[in-house]
PDB file of N, CA and C in Angstrom:
ATOM      1  N   MET A   1      90.898 153.227 149.888  1.00  0.00           N
ATOM      2  CA  MET A   1      90.858 154.629 149.502  1.00  0.00           C
ATOM      3  C   MET A   1      89.330 154.836 149.219  1.00  0.00           C
ATOM      4  N   ILE A   2      88.733 155.896 149.734  1.00  0.00           N
ATOM      5  CA  ILE A   2      87.345 156.224 149.412  1.00  0.00           C
ATOM      6  C   ILE A   2      87.240 157.728 148.842  1.00  0.00           C
ATOM      7  N   LEU A   3      86.716 157.794 147.638  1.00  0.00           N
ATOM      8  CA  LEU A   3      86.563 158.942 146.978  1.00  0.00           C
ATOM      9  C   LEU A   3      85.126 159.432 147.164  1.00  0.00           C
ATOM     10  N   THR A   4      84.928 160.710 147.560  1.00  0.00           N
ATOM     11  CA  THR A   4      83.594 161.125 147.533  1.00  0.00           C
ATOM     12  C   THR A   4      83.418 162.592 146.862  1.00  0.00           C
ATOM     13  N   GLY A   5      82.481 162.878 146.509  1.00  0.00           N
ATOM     14  CA  GLY A   5      82.052 164.089 145.778  1.00  0.00           C
ATOM     15  C   GLY A   5      80.705 164.118 144.913  1.00  0.00           C
ATOM     16  N   ARG A   6      80.669 164.560 143.891  1.00  0.00           N
ATOM     17  CA  ARG A   6      79.495 164.779 143.088  1.00  0.00           C
ATOM     18  C   ARG A   6      79.118 163.402 142.524  1.00  0.00           C
ATOM     19  N   CYS A   7      79.985 162.501 142.493  1.00  0.00           N
ATOM     20  CA  CYS A   7      79.667 161.193 141.953  1.00  0.00           C
ATOM     21  C   CYS A   7      79.235 160.287 143.077  1.00  0.00           C
ATOM     22  N   GLY A   8      79.155 160.713 144.371  1.00  0.00           N
ATOM     23  CA  GLY A   8      78.633 159.942 145.432  1.00  0.00           C
ATOM     24  C   GLY A   8      79.787 159.366 146.156  1.00  0.00           C
ATOM     25  N   MET A   9      79.801 158.102 146.367  1.00  0.00           N
ATOM     26  CA  MET A   9      80.915 157.527 147.271  1.00  0.00           C
ATOM     27  C   MET A   9      81.279 156.253 146.181  1.00  0.00           C
ATOM     28  N   ILE A  10      82.707 156.365 145.943  1.00  0.00           N
ATOM     29  CA  ILE A  10      83.324 155.306 145.140  1.00  0.00           C
ATOM     30  C   ILE A  10      84.524 154.654 145.903  1.00  0.00           C
ATOM     31  N   THR A  11      84.664 153.435 145.881  1.00  0.00           N
ATOM     32  CA  THR A  11      85.720 152.624 146.520  1.00  0.00           C
ATOM     33  C   THR A  11      86.831 152.251 145.441  1.00  0.00           C
ATOM     34  N   ALA A  12      88.015 152.518 145.664  1.00  0.00           N
ATOM     35  CA  ALA A  12      89.073 151.981 144.746  1.00  0.00           C
ATOM     36  C   ALA A  12      90.135 151.102 145.497  1.00  0.00           C
ATOM     37  N   ARG A  13      90.776 150.249 144.800  1.00  0.00           N
ATOM     38  CA  ARG A  13      91.789 149.470 145.617  1.00  0.00           C
ATOM     39  C   ARG A  13      93.200 149.973 145.330  1.00  0.00           C
ATOM     40  N   VAL A  14      94.018 149.896 146.291  1.00  0.00           N
ATOM     41  CA  VAL A  14      95.398 150.270 146.217  1.00  0.00           C
ATOM     42  C   VAL A  14      96.209 149.099 145.739  1.00  0.00           C
ATOM     43  N   THR A  15      97.008 149.248 144.880  1.00  0.00           N
ATOM     44  CA  THR A  15      97.913 148.061 144.330  1.00  0.00           C
ATOM     45  C   THR A  15      99.257 148.161 145.222  1.00  0.00           C
ATOM     46  N   SER A  16     100.036 146.796 145.202  1.00  0.00           N
ATOM     47  CA  SER A  16     101.133 146.668 145.951  1.00  0.00           C
ATOM     48  C   SER A  16     102.113 147.777 145.810  1.00  0.00           C
ATOM     49  N   LYS A  17     102.146 148.422 144.775  1.00  0.00           N
ATOM     50  CA  LYS A  17     102.908 149.554 144.462  1.00  0.00           C
ATOM     51  C   LYS A  17     102.453 150.965 144.821  1.00  0.00           C
ATOM     52  N   GLY A  18     101.236 150.904 145.424  1.00  0.00           N
ATOM     53  CA  GLY A  18     100.810 152.209 145.975  1.00  0.00           C
ATOM     54  C   GLY A  18      99.979 153.004 144.962  1.00  0.00           C
ATOM     55  N   GLN A  19      99.466 152.274 143.782  1.00  0.00           N
ATOM     56  CA  GLN A  19      98.797 152.868 142.862  1.00  0.00           C
ATOM     57  C   GLN A  19      97.312 152.796 142.959  1.00  0.00           C
ATOM     58  N   VAL A  20      96.631 153.691 142.493  1.00  0.00           N
ATOM     59  CA  VAL A  20      95.138 153.656 142.498  1.00  0.00           C
ATOM     60  C   VAL A  20      94.657 154.104 140.981  1.00  0.00           C
ATOM     61  N   THR A  21      93.723 153.364 140.477  1.00  0.00           N
ATOM     62  CA  THR A  21      93.109 153.659 139.318  1.00  0.00           C
ATOM     63  C   THR A  21      92.041 154.702 139.601  1.00  0.00           C
ATOM     64  N   ILE A  22      92.104 156.026 139.142  1.00  0.00           N
ATOM     65  CA  ILE A  22      90.970 156.809 139.373  1.00  0.00           C
ATOM     66  C   ILE A  22      89.646 156.575 138.593  1.00  0.00           C
ATOM     67  N   PRO A  23      88.622 156.197 139.236  1.00  0.00           N
ATOM     68  CA  PRO A  23      87.411 155.802 138.513  1.00  0.00           C
ATOM     69  C   PRO A  23      87.026 156.777 137.562  1.00  0.00           C
ATOM     70  N   LYS A  24      86.388 156.082 136.405  1.00  0.00           N
ATOM     71  CA  LYS A  24      86.017 157.086 135.293  1.00  0.00           C
ATOM     72  C   LYS A  24      84.989 158.185 135.654  1.00  0.00           C
ATOM     73  N   ALA A  25      84.305 157.781 136.557  1.00  0.00           N
ATOM     74  CA  ALA A  25      83.211 158.901 136.984  1.00  0.00           C
ATOM     75  C   ALA A  25      83.926 160.086 137.552  1.00  0.00           C
ATOM     76  N   VAL A  26      84.957 159.649 138.389  1.00  0.00           N
ATOM     77  CA  VAL A  26      85.617 160.736 139.116  1.00  0.00           C
ATOM     78  C   VAL A  26      86.480 161.553 137.970  1.00  0.00           C
ATOM     79  N   ARG A  27      87.077 160.797 137.019  1.00  0.00           N
ATOM     80  CA  ARG A  27      88.018 161.759 136.216  1.00  0.00           C
ATOM     81  C   ARG A  27      87.083 162.580 135.265  1.00  0.00           C
ATOM     82  N   GLU A  28      85.806 161.908 134.986  1.00  0.00           N
ATOM     83  CA  GLU A  28      85.046 162.759 134.061  1.00  0.00           C
ATOM     84  C   GLU A  28      84.421 164.076 134.800  1.00  0.00           C
ATOM     85  N   SER A  29      84.213 163.796 136.287  1.00  0.00           N
ATOM     86  CA  SER A  29      83.744 164.766 137.036  1.00  0.00           C
ATOM     87  C   SER A  29      84.735 166.000 137.238  1.00  0.00           C
ATOM     88  N   LEU A  30      86.087 165.622 137.457  1.00  0.00           N
ATOM     89  CA  LEU A  30      87.205 166.527 137.544  1.00  0.00           C
ATOM     90  C   LEU A  30      87.714 166.959 136.168  1.00  0.00           C
ATOM     91  N   GLY A  31      87.259 166.457 135.165  1.00  0.00           N
ATOM     92  CA  GLY A  31      87.804 166.759 133.868  1.00  0.00           C
ATOM     93  C   GLY A  31      89.416 166.488 133.806  1.00  0.00           C
ATOM     94  N   ILE A  32      89.773 165.279 134.401  1.00  0.00           N
ATOM     95  CA  ILE A  32      91.128 164.762 134.344  1.00  0.00           C
ATOM     96  C   ILE A  32      91.402 163.951 133.095  1.00  0.00           C
ATOM     97  N   HIS A  33      92.435 164.149 132.463  1.00  0.00           N
ATOM     98  CA  HIS A  33      92.737 163.317 131.239  1.00  0.00           C
ATOM     99  C   HIS A  33      94.124 162.835 131.440  1.00  0.00           C
ATOM    100  N   ALA A  34      94.451 161.697 130.819  1.00  0.00           N
ATOM    101  CA  ALA A  34      95.802 160.993 130.775  1.00  0.00           C
ATOM    102  C   ALA A  34      97.020 162.040 130.551  1.00  0.00           C
ATOM    103  N   GLY A  35      97.920 161.950 131.306  1.00  0.00           N
ATOM    104  CA  GLY A  35      99.031 162.873 131.418  1.00  0.00           C
ATOM    105  C   GLY A  35      99.085 164.096 132.292  1.00  0.00           C
ATOM    106  N   GLU A  36      97.654 164.488 132.814  1.00  0.00           N
ATOM    107  CA  GLU A  36      97.471 165.545 133.722  1.00  0.00           C
ATOM    108  C   GLU A  36      97.950 165.307 135.108  1.00  0.00           C
ATOM    109  N   ASP A  37      98.208 166.162 135.794  1.00  0.00           N
ATOM    110  CA  ASP A  37      98.582 166.113 137.236  1.00  0.00           C
ATOM    111  C   ASP A  37      97.423 166.413 138.061  1.00  0.00           C
ATOM    112  N   ILE A  38      97.329 165.618 139.108  1.00  0.00           N
ATOM    113  CA  ILE A  38      96.356 165.777 140.244  1.00  0.00           C
ATOM    114  C   ILE A  38      97.046 166.197 141.548  1.00  0.00           C
ATOM    115  N   ARG A  39      96.394 166.948 142.425  1.00  0.00           N
ATOM    116  CA  ARG A  39      96.928 167.239 143.677  1.00  0.00           C
ATOM    117  C   ARG A  39      96.073 166.561 144.782  1.00  0.00           C
ATOM    118  N   PHE A  40      96.852 166.085 145.832  1.00  0.00           N
ATOM    119  CA  PHE A  40      96.012 165.722 146.914  1.00  0.00           C
ATOM    120  C   PHE A  40      96.251 166.658 148.228  1.00  0.00           C
ATOM    121  N   GLU A  41      95.017 167.146 148.763  1.00  0.00           N
ATOM    122  CA  GLU A  41      95.083 168.244 149.762  1.00  0.00           C
ATOM    123  C   GLU A  41      94.442 167.485 150.993  1.00  0.00           C
ATOM    124  N   GLU A  42      95.228 167.706 152.205  1.00  0.00           N
ATOM    125  CA  GLU A  42      94.709 167.120 153.388  1.00  0.00           C
ATOM    126  C   GLU A  42      93.776 168.187 153.873  1.00  0.00           C
ATOM    127  N   ARG A  43      92.507 167.921 154.386  1.00  0.00           N
ATOM    128  CA  ARG A  43      91.567 168.913 155.001  1.00  0.00           C
ATOM    129  C   ARG A  43      90.789 168.037 155.997  1.00  0.00           C
ATOM    130  N   GLU A  44      91.135 168.460 157.346  1.00  0.00           N
ATOM    131  CA  GLU A  44      90.409 167.919 158.388  1.00  0.00           C
ATOM    132  C   GLU A  44      90.366 166.375 158.493  1.00  0.00           C
ATOM    133  N   GLY A  45      91.628 165.813 158.167  1.00  0.00           N
ATOM    134  CA  GLY A  45      91.623 164.425 158.215  1.00  0.00           C
ATOM    135  C   GLY A  45      91.272 163.546 157.073  1.00  0.00           C
ATOM    136  N   LEU A  46      90.764 164.422 155.953  1.00  0.00           N
ATOM    137  CA  LEU A  46      90.299 163.835 154.679  1.00  0.00           C
ATOM    138  C   LEU A  46      91.226 164.444 153.747  1.00  0.00           C
ATOM    139  N   PHE A  47      91.429 163.522 152.530  1.00  0.00           N
ATOM    140  CA  PHE A  47      92.192 164.052 151.465  1.00  0.00           C
ATOM    141  C   PHE A  47      91.391 164.450 150.337  1.00  0.00           C
ATOM    142  N   VAL A  48      91.527 165.584 149.835  1.00  0.00           N
ATOM    143  CA  VAL A  48      90.746 166.023 148.541  1.00  0.00           C
ATOM    144  C   VAL A  48      91.612 165.772 147.303  1.00  0.00           C
ATOM    145  N   VAL A  49      90.955 165.373 146.242  1.00  0.00           N
ATOM    146  CA  VAL A  49      91.801 165.201 144.912  1.00  0.00           C
ATOM    147  C   VAL A  49      91.299 166.346 144.134  1.00  0.00           C
ATOM    148  N   LYS A  50      92.422 167.084 143.601  1.00  0.00           N
ATOM    149  CA  LYS A  50      92.100 168.139 142.707  1.00  0.00           C
ATOM    150  C   LYS A  50      92.829 168.079 141.460  1.00  0.00           C
ATOM    151  N   LYS A  51      92.261 168.586 140.393  1.00  0.00           N
ATOM    152  CA  LYS A  51      93.019 168.672 139.170  1.00  0.00           C
ATOM    153  C   LYS A  51      94.000 169.889 139.359  1.00  0.00           C
ATOM    154  N   VAL A  52      95.204 169.648 138.845  1.00  0.00           N
ATOM    155  CA  VAL A  52      96.268 170.771 138.982  1.00  0.00           C
ATOM    156  C   VAL A  52      95.828 171.456 137.507  1.00  0.00           C
ATOM    157  N   VAL A  53      95.601 172.847 137.774  1.00  0.00           N
ATOM    158  CA  VAL A  53      95.303 173.778 136.418  1.00  0.00           C
ATOM    159  C   VAL A  53      96.647 174.473 136.322  1.00  0.00           C
ATOM    160  N   THR A  54      97.363 174.340 135.243  1.00  0.00           N
ATOM    161  CA  THR A  54      98.626 175.078 135.150  1.00  0.00           C
ATOM    162  C   THR A  54      98.502 176.046 133.963  1.00  0.00           C
ATOM    163  N   GLU A  55      99.156 177.317 134.394  1.00  0.00           N
ATOM    164  CA  GLU A  55      98.765 178.335 133.382  1.00  0.00           C
ATOM    165  C   GLU A  55      99.667 178.157 132.227  1.00  0.00           C
ATOM    166  N   SER A  56      99.300 178.319 130.999  1.00  0.00           N
ATOM    167  CA  SER A  56     100.079 178.243 129.728  1.00  0.00           C
ATOM    168  C   SER A  56     101.037 179.458 129.986  1.00  0.00           C
ATOM    169  N   PRO A  57     102.345 179.103 129.509  1.00  0.00           N
ATOM    170  CA  PRO A  57     103.268 180.212 129.558  1.00  0.00           C
ATOM    171  C   PRO A  57     103.142 181.224 128.433  1.00  0.00           C
ATOM    172  N   PHE A  58     102.190 181.002 127.668  1.00  0.00           N
ATOM    173  CA  PHE A  58     101.885 182.004 126.652  1.00  0.00           C
ATOM    174  C   PHE A  58     100.676 182.879 127.207  1.00  0.00           C
ATOM    175  N   ASP A  59      99.826 182.489 128.104  1.00  0.00           N
ATOM    176  CA  ASP A  59      98.879 183.242 128.850  1.00  0.00           C
ATOM    177  C   ASP A  59      99.227 184.724 129.243  1.00  0.00           C
ATOM    178  N   LYS A  60     100.575 184.747 129.887  1.00  0.00           N
ATOM    179  CA  LYS A  60     100.923 185.991 130.308  1.00  0.00           C
ATOM    180  C   LYS A  60     101.236 187.139 129.162  1.00  0.00           C
ATOM    181  N   TRP A  61     101.277 186.522 128.056  1.00  0.00           N
ATOM    182  CA  TRP A  61     101.694 187.547 127.064  1.00  0.00           C
ATOM    183  C   TRP A  61     100.527 187.923 126.151  1.00  0.00           C
ATOM    184  N   ALA A  62      99.422 187.201 126.428  1.00  0.00           N
ATOM    185  CA  ALA A  62      98.097 187.458 125.639  1.00  0.00           C
ATOM    186  C   ALA A  62      97.685 188.839 125.849  1.00  0.00           C
ATOM    187  N   GLY A  63      97.613 189.550 124.722  1.00  0.00           N
ATOM    188  CA  GLY A  63      97.090 190.892 124.635  1.00  0.00           C
ATOM    189  C   GLY A  63      98.225 191.878 124.666  1.00  0.00           C
ATOM    190  N   LYS A  64      99.548 191.538 125.173  1.00  0.00           N
ATOM    191  CA  LYS A  64     100.532 192.452 125.401  1.00  0.00           C
ATOM    192  C   LYS A  64     101.329 192.637 124.096  1.00  0.00           C
ATOM    193  N   LEU A  65     100.998 192.039 122.960  1.00  0.00           N
ATOM    194  CA  LEU A  65     101.732 192.120 121.818  1.00  0.00           C
ATOM    195  C   LEU A  65     100.801 192.634 120.554  1.00  0.00           C
ATOM    196  N   LYS A  66      99.643 193.250 121.040  1.00  0.00           N
ATOM    197  CA  LYS A  66      98.707 193.698 120.027  1.00  0.00           C
ATOM    198  C   LYS A  66      99.264 194.722 119.266  1.00  0.00           C
ATOM    199  N   HIS A  67     100.224 195.670 119.660  1.00  0.00           N
ATOM    200  CA  HIS A  67     100.733 196.600 119.094  1.00  0.00           C
ATOM    201  C   HIS A  67     101.670 196.320 117.886  1.00  0.00           C
ATOM    202  N   LEU A  68     102.041 194.999 117.889  1.00  0.00           N
ATOM    203  CA  LEU A  68     102.730 194.333 116.719  1.00  0.00           C
ATOM    204  C   LEU A  68     102.070 193.870 115.614  1.00  0.00           C
ATOM    205  N   LYS A  69     100.584 193.741 115.784  1.00  0.00           N
ATOM    206  CA  LYS A  69      99.747 193.207 114.968  1.00  0.00           C
ATOM    207  C   LYS A  69     100.032 193.960 113.540  1.00  0.00           C
ATOM    208  N   GLY A  70     100.102 193.069 112.442  1.00  0.00           N
ATOM    209  CA  GLY A  70     100.270 193.507 111.182  1.00  0.00           C
ATOM    210  C   GLY A  70     101.658 194.016 110.792  1.00  0.00           C
ATOM    211  N   ARG A  71     102.660 194.060 111.580  1.00  0.00           N
ATOM    212  CA  ARG A  71     104.069 194.370 111.248  1.00  0.00           C
ATOM    213  C   ARG A  71     104.619 193.272 110.796  1.00  0.00           C
ATOM    214  N   ARG A  72     105.623 193.297 109.951  1.00  0.00           N
ATOM    215  CA  ARG A  72     106.535 192.182 109.301  1.00  0.00           C
ATOM    216  C   ARG A  72     107.478 191.879 110.409  1.00  0.00           C
ATOM    217  N   SER A  73     107.559 190.612 110.484  1.00  0.00           N
ATOM    218  CA  SER A  73     108.723 190.074 111.439  1.00  0.00           C
ATOM    219  C   SER A  73     110.093 190.311 110.905  1.00  0.00           C
ATOM    220  N   ASP A  74     110.271 190.651 109.804  1.00  0.00           N
ATOM    221  CA  ASP A  74     111.700 190.971 109.557  1.00  0.00           C
ATOM    222  C   ASP A  74     111.965 192.451 109.875  1.00  0.00           C
ATOM    223  N   ASP A  75     110.931 193.142 109.848  1.00  0.00           N
ATOM    224  CA  ASP A  75     110.972 194.758 110.142  1.00  0.00           C
ATOM    225  C   ASP A  75     111.362 194.723 111.786  1.00  0.00           C
ATOM    226  N   LEU A  76     110.551 193.888 112.458  1.00  0.00           N
ATOM    227  CA  LEU A  76     110.550 193.854 113.946  1.00  0.00           C
ATOM    228  C   LEU A  76     112.114 193.467 114.292  1.00  0.00           C
ATOM    229  N   VAL A  77     112.540 192.435 113.709  1.00  0.00           N
ATOM    230  CA  VAL A  77     114.008 191.924 113.902  1.00  0.00           C
ATOM    231  C   VAL A  77     114.922 193.019 113.507  1.00  0.00           C
ATOM    232  N   ARG A  78     114.725 193.740 112.446  1.00  0.00           N
ATOM    233  CA  ARG A  78     115.693 194.878 112.308  1.00  0.00           C
ATOM    234  C   ARG A  78     115.744 195.910 113.268  1.00  0.00           C
ATOM    235  N   GLU A  79     114.460 196.183 113.700  1.00  0.00           N
ATOM    236  CA  GLU A  79     114.422 197.302 114.895  1.00  0.00           C
ATOM    237  C   GLU A  79     114.969 196.756 116.100  1.00  0.00           C
ATOM    238  N   ALA A  80     114.702 195.567 116.536  1.00  0.00           N
ATOM    239  CA  ALA A  80     115.506 195.021 117.748  1.00  0.00           C
ATOM    240  C   ALA A  80     116.985 195.077 117.622  1.00  0.00           C
ATOM    241  N   ARG A  81     117.505 194.932 116.354  1.00  0.00           N
ATOM    242  CA  ARG A  81     118.877 194.877 116.144  1.00  0.00           C
ATOM    243  C   ARG A  81     119.335 196.272 116.129  1.00  0.00           C
ATOM    244  N   GLY A  82     118.547 197.208 116.252  1.00  0.00           N
ATOM    245  CA  GLY A  82     118.883 198.643 116.009  1.00  0.00           C
ATOM    246  C   GLY A  82     119.278 199.004 114.566  1.00  0.00           C
ATOM    247  N   HIS A  83     118.807 198.255 113.534  1.00  0.00           N
ATOM    248  CA  HIS A  83     118.952 198.684 112.094  1.00  0.00           C
ATOM    249  C   HIS A  83     117.771 199.012 111.729  1.00  0.00           C
ATOM    250  N   ASP A  84     116.972 200.235 112.019  1.00  0.00           N
ATOM    251  CA  ASP A  84     115.737 200.525 111.818  1.00  0.00           C
ATOM    252  C   ASP A  84     115.792 201.399 110.524  1.00  0.00           C
ATOM    253  N   HIS A  85     116.129 200.767 109.424  1.00  0.00           N
ATOM    254  CA  HIS A  85     116.302 201.382 108.098  1.00  0.00           C
ATOM    255  C   HIS A  85     115.370 200.886 107.219  1.00  0.00           C
ATOM    256  N   SER A  86     114.632 201.970 106.511  1.00  0.00           N
ATOM    257  CA  SER A  86     113.672 201.457 105.555  1.00  0.00           C
ATOM    258  C   SER A  86     114.418 200.979 104.364  1.00  0.00           C
ATOM    259  N   ARG A  87     113.606 199.884 103.507  1.00  0.00           N
ATOM    260  CA  ARG A  87     114.183 199.379 102.225  1.00  0.00           C
ATOM    261  C   ARG A  87     114.371 200.538 101.472  1.00  0.00           C
TER     262      ARG A  87
END
């Protein structure tokens, strides 16, 4: 396996189980940390290694709940249940 990129050219050995240790320079260049996923994309006979960037499930809600800021959670629950009675 030959990895190329901003790090220059780096060679890594494949184990009998088909595993490769991604060299530190490549991990640092791509910002890859333990437990993160990477993707191999084939392009014109070469494979490109990319970090998989996943969106946080909370990102889609960012900014959509601003209208609730300052509201008490027990009041919101009461409203959601249809018991919108003031104390």
